[in-house]
């Protein structure tokens, strides 16, 4: 049985080293163990190249398994090849060609020509597996999984499955979706890519801004579900936020754009506070009450440096601006010592770059911290009156807090009740219920 690479696997550039290869030659048990190590380290890279060569996700996954099965049979006898990665890609491609030839015997006569053309294209495809080609293949795969022709849900599911290597069951559990439903979503996405002939390639320079925005949005959706789960017993899902950060690091290596740096910075700065956001019993801890000694300084330092670099480029967008706000919050010694004037100013710029009622809400909270709860409440009431955030639980929770601070008990209770009715996350619900209890409800 082949071992699936874990979500947090470290992927080295070249395995095994020559001394390791020579040390295990002639020792079948050690060779099989090494194959497992290579699978964990290289399977996603081999898969991305096979997808390019074969032009089909499912065929590439079958070819990957066939290649490792062949390695389990041949390497203990013949020894480990000098370049295991290239051997696996070549073997997988030939296994796929053999499978297509067998299946073509059962094709209707009218489809034989198309089958022959497909076989010829696969046979003629460049099989380079050097590091640069591998990185190009990974970048192409990310953009293919996040193609705008796919629905947002399909983009997220396909990225987590094919780029990050999560199982269907893991993705379904993370987003509280039945596994069969999630599996069908992935199947439909692959079929859409195949039937619509979506090219497996990087976007052209002219298309890059729009396509990159789609990729960044998918990564941030994954992170947000990990940082603050939409529902369930736990406030956070470290596996998902960790995958999003890993994916953003990979994207930055392949495409060092300012907004990629901005998104990575934003996620690192948020993630730095993870340990302080919940109590030992799993209850929600607000920013004012968090033990800042638990914040991870190395993530704050890295995030702040990335923000500075992105802003200096003068080609930044909303992610870099959000990260700049997060950096001010993370670097402040306390809530009272936070530069709320600067944060409100950054929100003003952010709203010009990307108008959003959620950003407006966040700005209103910052205004409340700068000018007092009454000023913030006026802004939140105006936002809610427009109806755009009527079903957004955090808008009602923010209004409830400001009403509580102003001594408007009945209004606070009504807003907390509304937020509670919209929340399906257990720690959040306990917090809202505790606030209601404190107000005598």
Protein backbone atom coordinates (compact mmCIF):
# COMPACT_ATOMS: atom_id res chain seq x y z
CA UNK A 1 0.00 0.00 0.00
CA UNK A 2 1.44 3.37 -0.99
CA UNK A 3 1.47 6.10 1.61
CA UNK A 4 -0.31 9.38 0.79
CA UNK A 5 1.90 12.39 1.54
CA UNK A 6 0.77 14.16 4.73
CA UNK A 7 -0.53 17.72 4.43
CA UNK A 8 2.48 19.10 6.31
CA UNK A 9 5.09 17.06 4.45
CA UNK A 10 8.31 18.91 3.69
CA UNK A 11 9.05 18.54 0.02
CA UNK A 12 12.81 18.47 -0.64
CA UNK A 13 14.12 19.30 -4.05
CA UNK A 14 16.00 16.08 -4.85
CA UNK A 15 15.66 12.64 -3.22
CA UNK A 16 17.38 10.43 -2.62
CA UNK A 17 20.97 11.60 -2.43
CA UNK A 18 23.56 9.44 -4.18
CA UNK A 19 25.03 8.03 -0.91
CA UNK A 20 21.58 7.05 0.32
CA UNK A 21 20.77 5.40 -3.01
CA UNK A 22 23.99 3.36 -2.90
CA UNK A 23 23.47 2.44 0.76
CA UNK A 24 20.12 0.77 0.14
CA UNK A 25 20.92 -0.97 -3.19
CA UNK A 26 20.50 -4.70 -2.77
CA UNK A 27 18.40 -4.40 0.39
CA UNK A 28 14.74 -4.92 -0.64
CA UNK A 29 13.19 -3.87 2.70
CA UNK A 30 15.24 -0.67 2.81
CA UNK A 31 14.40 0.01 -0.84
CA UNK A 32 10.68 -0.27 -0.17
CA UNK A 33 11.05 2.12 2.76
CA UNK A 34 12.89 4.55 0.52
CA UNK A 35 10.11 4.34 -2.07
CA UNK A 36 7.67 5.46 0.63
CA UNK A 37 9.95 8.42 1.40
CA UNK A 38 10.14 9.33 -2.28
CA UNK A 39 6.37 9.06 -2.58
CA UNK A 40 5.85 11.52 0.27
CA UNK A 41 8.47 13.90 -1.08
CA UNK A 42 7.91 13.72 -4.83
CA UNK A 43 4.42 12.44 -5.65
CA UNK A 44 2.83 15.89 -6.07
CA UNK A 45 5.67 17.02 -8.34
CA UNK A 46 5.48 13.87 -10.43
CA UNK A 47 1.69 14.21 -10.63
CA UNK A 48 1.82 17.82 -11.89
CA UNK A 49 4.21 16.83 -14.69
CA UNK A 50 2.05 13.83 -15.61
CA UNK A 51 -0.99 16.10 -15.79
CA UNK A 52 0.89 18.29 -18.27
CA UNK A 53 2.02 15.31 -20.34
CA UNK A 54 -1.31 13.47 -20.33
CA UNK A 55 -3.72 16.39 -20.25
CA UNK A 56 -6.09 14.55 -17.90
CA UNK A 57 -6.26 14.60 -14.10
CA UNK A 58 -7.69 11.12 -13.62
CA UNK A 59 -5.35 9.51 -16.16
CA UNK A 60 -2.38 11.22 -14.47
CA UNK A 61 -3.42 9.97 -11.02
CA UNK A 62 -3.72 6.42 -12.34
CA UNK A 63 -0.33 6.75 -14.06
CA UNK A 64 1.22 7.99 -10.80
CA UNK A 65 -0.02 4.94 -8.92
CA UNK A 66 1.09 2.63 -11.74
CA UNK A 67 4.56 4.19 -11.70
CA UNK A 68 5.02 3.69 -7.97
CA UNK A 69 3.63 0.16 -8.22
CA UNK A 70 6.26 -0.56 -10.87
CA UNK A 71 8.92 0.95 -8.60
CA UNK A 72 7.85 -1.37 -5.76
CA UNK A 73 8.26 -4.34 -8.11
CA UNK A 74 11.48 -3.36 -9.92
CA UNK A 75 13.66 -1.24 -7.63
CA UNK A 76 14.24 -3.91 -4.93
CA UNK A 77 15.68 -6.15 -7.69
CA UNK A 78 17.32 -3.69 -10.08
CA UNK A 79 18.27 -0.92 -7.65
CA UNK A 80 17.09 2.67 -7.33
CA UNK A 81 17.65 4.75 -10.51
CA UNK A 82 19.98 7.74 -10.43
CA UNK A 83 17.05 10.10 -11.01
CA UNK A 84 13.97 8.54 -9.36
CA UNK A 85 11.73 11.48 -10.27
CA UNK A 86 12.51 11.24 -14.01
CA UNK A 87 12.09 7.45 -13.89
CA UNK A 88 8.65 7.80 -12.29
CA UNK A 89 7.49 10.40 -14.81
CA UNK A 90 8.71 8.34 -17.76
CA UNK A 91 7.22 5.11 -16.39
CA UNK A 92 3.92 6.78 -15.59
CA UNK A 93 3.68 8.23 -19.10
CA UNK A 94 4.35 4.87 -20.77
CA UNK A 95 1.86 3.14 -18.45
CA UNK A 96 -0.76 5.70 -19.47
CA UNK A 97 0.01 5.24 -23.17
CA UNK A 98 -0.36 1.47 -22.80
CA UNK A 99 -3.70 1.94 -21.03
CA UNK A 100 -4.97 4.29 -23.75
CA UNK A 101 -3.91 1.85 -26.47
CA UNK A 102 -5.76 -1.00 -24.75
CA UNK A 103 -8.87 1.11 -24.35
CA UNK A 104 -8.74 2.36 -27.96
CA UNK A 105 -9.53 -1.15 -29.16
CA UNK A 106 -13.05 -0.66 -27.87
CA UNK A 107 -13.53 2.84 -29.33
CA UNK A 108 -16.09 3.28 -32.15
CA UNK A 109 -14.44 3.53 -35.55
CA UNK A 110 -15.22 7.25 -35.76
CA UNK A 111 -13.28 7.94 -32.55
CA UNK A 112 -10.13 6.03 -33.53
CA UNK A 113 -8.58 9.01 -35.30
CA UNK A 114 -9.07 11.24 -32.24
CA UNK A 115 -7.60 8.53 -30.00
CA UNK A 116 -4.57 8.19 -32.29
CA UNK A 117 -4.06 11.96 -32.23
CA UNK A 118 -4.19 11.99 -28.45
CA UNK A 119 -1.65 9.16 -28.22
CA UNK A 120 0.64 10.96 -30.65
CA UNK A 121 0.42 14.19 -28.66
CA UNK A 122 1.29 12.38 -25.43
CA UNK A 123 4.17 10.52 -27.06
CA UNK A 124 5.59 13.75 -28.53
CA UNK A 125 5.21 15.87 -25.35
CA UNK A 126 8.45 17.15 -23.86
CA UNK A 127 9.30 15.05 -20.82
CA UNK A 128 11.78 17.39 -19.11
CA UNK A 129 11.67 16.98 -15.33
CA UNK A 130 14.39 19.42 -14.28
CA UNK A 131 13.61 21.78 -11.41
CA UNK A 132 12.55 24.67 -13.66
CA UNK A 133 10.11 22.53 -15.64
CA UNK A 134 8.71 21.12 -12.39
CA UNK A 135 8.13 24.57 -10.94
CA UNK A 136 6.47 25.66 -14.20
CA UNK A 137 4.24 22.58 -14.03
CA UNK A 138 3.19 23.40 -10.45
CA UNK A 139 2.35 26.98 -11.39
CA UNK A 140 0.29 25.79 -14.36
CA UNK A 141 -1.59 23.38 -12.10
CA UNK A 142 -2.47 26.12 -9.59
CA UNK A 143 -3.87 28.36 -12.33
CA UNK A 144 -5.75 25.46 -13.92
CA UNK A 145 -7.43 24.50 -10.63
CA UNK A 146 -8.44 28.15 -10.09
CA UNK A 147 -9.64 28.80 -13.65
CA UNK A 148 -12.55 31.31 -13.70
CA UNK A 149 -14.66 28.87 -15.75
CA UNK A 150 -14.97 26.74 -12.59
CA UNK A 151 -17.29 27.63 -9.73
CA UNK A 152 -15.65 29.04 -6.57
CA UNK A 153 -16.50 25.88 -4.60
CA UNK A 154 -14.96 23.71 -7.31
CA UNK A 155 -11.81 25.87 -7.41
CA UNK A 156 -11.29 25.43 -3.67
CA UNK A 157 -11.96 21.68 -3.71
CA UNK A 158 -9.78 21.00 -6.75
CA UNK A 159 -6.88 23.11 -5.40
CA UNK A 160 -6.90 21.33 -2.06
CA UNK A 161 -7.11 17.93 -3.77
CA UNK A 162 -4.65 18.29 -6.62
CA UNK A 163 -2.18 20.94 -5.45
CA UNK A 164 -2.16 20.34 -1.68
CA UNK A 165 -2.80 16.59 -1.79
CA UNK A 166 -5.63 16.49 0.77
CA UNK A 167 -8.01 13.56 0.48
CA UNK A 168 -11.63 14.03 -0.52
CA UNK A 169 -12.67 13.05 3.01
CA UNK A 170 -10.39 15.68 4.59
CA UNK A 171 -11.74 18.44 2.36
CA UNK A 172 -15.34 17.37 2.97
CA UNK A 173 -14.76 17.36 6.74
CA UNK A 174 -13.18 20.82 6.65
CA UNK A 175 -16.11 22.40 4.82
CA UNK A 176 -18.82 20.27 6.45
CA UNK A 177 -19.86 18.83 3.09
CA UNK A 178 -20.82 15.17 2.59
CA UNK A 179 -17.87 13.33 1.06
CA UNK A 180 -19.92 12.03 -1.94
CA UNK A 181 -21.05 15.60 -2.69
CA UNK A 182 -17.49 16.87 -2.52
CA UNK A 183 -16.26 14.01 -4.69
CA UNK A 184 -18.85 14.82 -7.35
CA UNK A 185 -17.82 18.47 -7.24
CA UNK A 186 -14.22 17.47 -8.00
CA UNK A 187 -15.30 15.06 -10.76
CA UNK A 188 -17.40 17.78 -12.41
CA UNK A 189 -14.53 20.26 -12.19
CA UNK A 190 -12.14 17.84 -13.90
CA UNK A 191 -14.73 17.09 -16.57
CA UNK A 192 -15.23 20.83 -17.14
CA UNK A 193 -11.48 21.29 -17.65
CA UNK A 194 -11.41 18.37 -20.09
CA UNK A 195 -14.59 19.11 -22.03
CA UNK A 196 -14.06 22.88 -22.25
CA UNK A 197 -10.44 22.26 -23.27
CA UNK A 198 -9.20 24.61 -20.58
CA UNK A 199 -5.49 24.94 -21.33
CA UNK A 200 -2.99 23.65 -18.81
CA UNK A 201 -0.81 26.76 -18.90
CA UNK A 202 0.09 29.98 -17.17
CA UNK A 203 -2.09 32.93 -18.19
CA UNK A 204 -0.71 35.46 -20.64
CA UNK A 205 0.65 38.72 -19.20
CA UNK A 206 -2.56 40.48 -20.17
CA UNK A 207 -4.72 37.90 -18.39
CA UNK A 208 -2.49 37.50 -15.34
CA UNK A 209 -4.07 40.15 -13.04
CA UNK A 210 -7.59 38.68 -13.27
CA UNK A 211 -6.38 35.08 -13.09
CA UNK A 212 -4.01 35.78 -10.20
CA UNK A 213 -6.86 37.40 -8.29
CA UNK A 214 -8.83 34.16 -8.61
CA UNK A 215 -5.90 32.12 -7.27
CA UNK A 216 -5.35 34.48 -4.32
CA UNK A 217 -9.06 34.45 -3.50
CA UNK A 218 -9.09 30.65 -3.36
CA UNK A 219 -6.04 30.58 -1.08
CA UNK A 220 -7.58 33.17 1.23
CA UNK A 221 -10.88 31.28 1.35
CA UNK A 222 -9.01 28.20 2.50
CA UNK A 223 -7.12 30.24 5.10
CA UNK A 224 -10.26 31.92 6.46
CA UNK A 225 -11.97 28.58 6.96
CA UNK A 226 -8.93 27.46 8.93
CA UNK A 227 -8.46 30.70 10.87
CA UNK A 228 -12.11 31.08 11.83
CA UNK A 229 -14.19 28.02 10.95
CA UNK A 230 -17.63 28.81 9.60
CA UNK A 231 -19.16 26.20 11.91
CA UNK A 232 -18.30 23.28 14.13
CA UNK A 233 -16.89 22.63 17.58
CA UNK A 234 -13.52 24.38 17.14
CA UNK A 235 -12.76 28.02 16.44
CA UNK A 236 -9.83 27.22 14.14
CA UNK A 237 -8.56 24.51 11.78
CA UNK A 238 -4.77 24.65 11.77
CA UNK A 239 -4.51 22.10 8.95
CA UNK A 240 -6.38 24.39 6.56
CA UNK A 241 -4.69 27.66 7.52
CA UNK A 242 -1.34 25.86 7.37
CA UNK A 243 -2.14 24.55 3.86
CA UNK A 244 -3.08 28.06 2.71
CA UNK A 245 0.17 29.53 4.01
CA UNK A 246 2.15 26.70 2.40
CA UNK A 247 0.35 27.29 -0.90
CA UNK A 248 1.03 31.04 -0.73
CA UNK A 249 4.72 30.40 -0.07
CA UNK A 250 4.85 28.14 -3.12
CA UNK A 251 3.05 30.73 -5.23
CA UNK A 252 5.46 33.45 -4.07
CA UNK A 253 8.44 31.29 -5.06
CA UNK A 254 6.94 30.78 -8.50
CA UNK A 255 5.41 34.24 -8.97
CA UNK A 256 6.84 36.93 -6.64
CA UNK A 257 4.14 39.54 -7.25
CA UNK A 258 3.40 42.25 -4.61
CA UNK A 259 -0.14 41.00 -3.98
CA UNK A 260 1.13 37.47 -3.47
CA UNK A 261 3.49 38.87 -0.84
CA UNK A 262 0.63 40.89 0.60
CA UNK A 263 -1.59 37.84 0.99
CA UNK A 264 1.19 35.77 2.55
CA UNK A 265 1.91 38.62 4.96
CA UNK A 266 -1.76 38.97 5.87
CA UNK A 267 -2.10 35.28 6.66
CA UNK A 268 1.12 35.14 8.68
CA UNK A 269 0.11 38.16 10.77
CA UNK A 270 -3.31 36.67 11.50
CA UNK A 271 -1.84 33.24 12.18
CA UNK A 272 0.65 34.72 14.65
CA UNK A 273 -2.22 35.25 17.12
CA UNK A 274 -3.65 31.73 16.90
CA UNK A 275 -2.45 30.48 20.30
CA UNK A 276 -3.97 33.49 22.09
CA UNK A 277 -7.37 33.45 20.35
CA UNK A 278 -8.81 30.62 22.44
CA UNK A 279 -8.63 29.73 26.11
CA UNK A 280 -7.47 26.39 27.49
CA UNK A 281 -11.11 25.26 27.32
CA UNK A 282 -11.51 26.31 23.68
CA UNK A 283 -13.46 29.51 24.35
CA UNK A 284 -13.08 32.61 22.20
CA UNK A 285 -10.72 35.31 23.52
CA UNK A 286 -11.15 38.81 22.07
CA UNK A 287 -8.19 40.93 20.94
CA UNK A 288 -8.39 43.16 24.04
CA UNK A 289 -8.03 40.17 26.37
CA UNK A 290 -5.41 38.15 24.49
CA UNK A 291 -2.07 37.32 26.11
CA UNK A 292 0.27 38.97 23.61
CA UNK A 293 3.23 37.00 24.90
CA UNK A 294 1.65 34.01 23.12
CA UNK A 295 1.78 35.76 19.75
CA UNK A 296 4.47 34.30 17.47
CA UNK A 297 7.02 37.06 16.97
CA UNK A 298 8.79 35.33 14.07
CA UNK A 299 5.57 35.32 12.03
CA UNK A 300 4.92 38.98 12.90
CA UNK A 301 8.46 39.96 11.86
CA UNK A 302 8.22 38.01 8.59
CA UNK A 303 4.75 39.37 7.83
CA UNK A 304 5.76 42.98 8.52
CA UNK A 305 8.82 42.65 6.25
CA UNK A 306 6.68 41.26 3.44
CA UNK A 307 4.18 44.12 3.83
CA UNK A 308 6.94 46.71 3.64
CA UNK A 309 8.38 45.12 0.51
CA UNK A 310 4.95 44.91 -1.17
CA UNK A 311 4.08 48.53 -0.36
CA UNK A 312 7.43 49.80 -1.65
CA UNK A 313 6.63 48.28 -5.05
CA UNK A 314 3.70 50.72 -5.44
CA UNK A 315 1.89 47.92 -7.32
CA UNK A 316 0.06 46.64 -4.27
CA UNK A 317 -3.66 45.99 -3.86
CA UNK A 318 -6.17 45.08 -1.19
CA UNK A 319 -4.25 42.17 0.35
CA UNK A 320 -1.16 44.29 1.03
CA UNK A 321 -3.34 47.05 2.54
CA UNK A 322 -5.15 44.55 4.77
CA UNK A 323 -1.75 43.18 5.79
CA UNK A 324 -0.54 46.69 6.66
CA UNK A 325 -3.54 47.04 8.99
CA UNK A 326 -2.84 43.62 10.51
CA UNK A 327 0.81 44.62 11.04
CA UNK A 328 -0.20 47.72 13.01
CA UNK A 329 -2.43 45.56 15.22
CA UNK A 330 0.24 42.90 15.68
CA UNK A 331 3.08 45.28 16.48
CA UNK A 332 1.17 47.41 19.03
CA UNK A 333 1.98 46.73 22.71
CA UNK A 334 -1.72 46.90 23.63
CA UNK A 335 -5.11 47.82 22.24
CA UNK A 336 -4.98 51.28 23.80
CA UNK A 337 -1.54 51.92 22.27
CA UNK A 338 -2.61 50.87 18.77
CA UNK A 339 -2.43 53.61 16.12
CA UNK A 340 -6.14 53.70 15.31
CA UNK A 341 -5.75 56.95 13.34
CA UNK A 342 -3.38 55.19 10.92
CA UNK A 343 -5.64 52.15 10.73
CA UNK A 344 -8.68 54.28 9.82
CA UNK A 345 -6.58 55.99 7.15
CA UNK A 346 -5.53 52.64 5.70
CA UNK A 347 -9.16 51.54 5.58
CA UNK A 348 -9.97 54.73 3.67
CA UNK A 349 -7.36 53.77 1.06
CA UNK A 350 -8.55 50.15 1.04
CA UNK A 351 -12.13 51.18 0.36
CA UNK A 352 -10.99 53.24 -2.62
CA UNK A 353 -9.06 50.23 -3.97
CA UNK A 354 -11.79 47.67 -3.26
CA UNK A 355 -15.18 48.94 -2.04
CA UNK A 356 -16.71 46.39 0.32
CA UNK A 357 -19.36 46.53 3.07
CA UNK A 358 -17.20 44.21 5.20
CA UNK A 359 -14.28 46.61 4.93
CA UNK A 360 -16.70 49.42 5.80
CA UNK A 361 -17.73 47.48 8.90
CA UNK A 362 -14.12 46.95 9.93
CA UNK A 363 -13.44 50.67 9.42
CA UNK A 364 -16.44 51.51 11.61
CA UNK A 365 -14.99 49.38 14.41
CA UNK A 366 -11.65 51.20 14.02
CA UNK A 367 -13.47 54.55 14.16
CA UNK A 368 -15.16 53.40 17.37
CA UNK A 369 -11.73 52.71 18.84
CA UNK A 370 -10.47 56.12 17.71
CA UNK A 371 -13.48 58.37 18.30
CA UNK A 372 -15.64 56.40 20.72
CA UNK A 373 -18.46 53.82 20.45
CA UNK A 374 -21.16 56.33 19.43
CA UNK A 375 -19.24 57.34 16.29
CA UNK A 376 -18.73 53.72 15.32
CA UNK A 377 -22.34 52.76 16.00
CA UNK A 378 -23.62 55.51 13.69
CA UNK A 379 -21.56 54.07 10.86
CA UNK A 380 -22.61 50.46 11.55
CA UNK A 381 -26.31 51.41 11.70
CA UNK A 382 -25.96 53.09 8.30
CA UNK A 383 -24.32 49.96 6.84
CA UNK A 384 -27.00 47.64 8.26
CA UNK A 385 -29.74 49.97 7.00
CA UNK A 386 -28.59 49.31 3.44
CA UNK A 387 -29.29 45.61 3.98
CA UNK A 388 -26.03 44.26 2.52
CA UNK A 389 -24.86 42.79 5.83
CA UNK A 390 -28.26 41.89 7.26
CA UNK A 391 -27.27 38.20 7.46
CA UNK A 392 -23.66 38.79 8.50
CA UNK A 393 -23.30 37.72 12.11
CA UNK A 394 -20.19 39.79 12.81
CA UNK A 395 -21.99 43.01 11.89
CA UNK A 396 -24.65 42.36 14.54
CA UNK A 397 -22.01 41.25 17.05
CA UNK A 398 -20.08 44.50 16.49
CA UNK A 399 -23.27 46.56 16.89
CA UNK A 400 -24.12 44.65 20.07
CA UNK A 401 -20.71 45.40 21.58
CA UNK A 402 -20.95 49.12 20.87
CA UNK A 403 -24.50 49.27 22.30
CA UNK A 404 -23.25 47.43 25.40
CA UNK A 405 -20.42 49.92 25.85
CA UNK A 406 -22.92 52.78 25.52
CA UNK A 407 -25.22 51.28 28.16
CA UNK A 408 -28.04 50.56 25.66
CA UNK A 409 -28.89 47.22 27.20
CA UNK A 410 -32.03 46.32 25.22
CA UNK A 411 -30.42 47.19 21.88
CA UNK A 412 -27.33 45.21 22.84
CA UNK A 413 -29.40 42.15 23.77
CA UNK A 414 -31.37 42.29 20.52
CA UNK A 415 -28.18 42.54 18.46
CA UNK A 416 -26.50 39.71 20.39
CA UNK A 417 -29.58 37.54 19.84
CA UNK A 418 -29.50 38.28 16.13
CA UNK A 419 -25.78 37.40 15.92
CA UNK A 420 -26.42 34.21 17.89
CA UNK A 421 -29.17 33.15 15.49
CA UNK A 422 -26.73 33.49 12.59
CA UNK A 423 -23.79 31.69 14.19
CA UNK A 424 -23.11 27.95 13.88
CA UNK A 425 -19.64 27.92 15.45
CA UNK A 426 -19.63 26.53 19.00
CA UNK A 427 -16.99 28.84 20.63
CA UNK A 428 -18.62 31.87 19.06
CA UNK A 429 -22.06 30.83 20.27
CA UNK A 430 -20.74 30.31 23.80
CA UNK A 431 -19.23 33.79 23.75
CA UNK A 432 -22.49 35.40 22.57
CA UNK A 433 -24.49 33.47 25.15
CA UNK A 434 -22.07 34.61 27.85
CA UNK A 435 -22.53 38.23 26.80
CA UNK A 436 -26.31 37.82 26.94
CA UNK A 437 -26.02 36.27 30.38
CA UNK A 438 -23.95 39.20 31.58
CA UNK A 439 -26.73 41.52 30.36
CA UNK A 440 -29.33 39.53 32.28
CA UNK A 441 -30.79 37.63 29.33
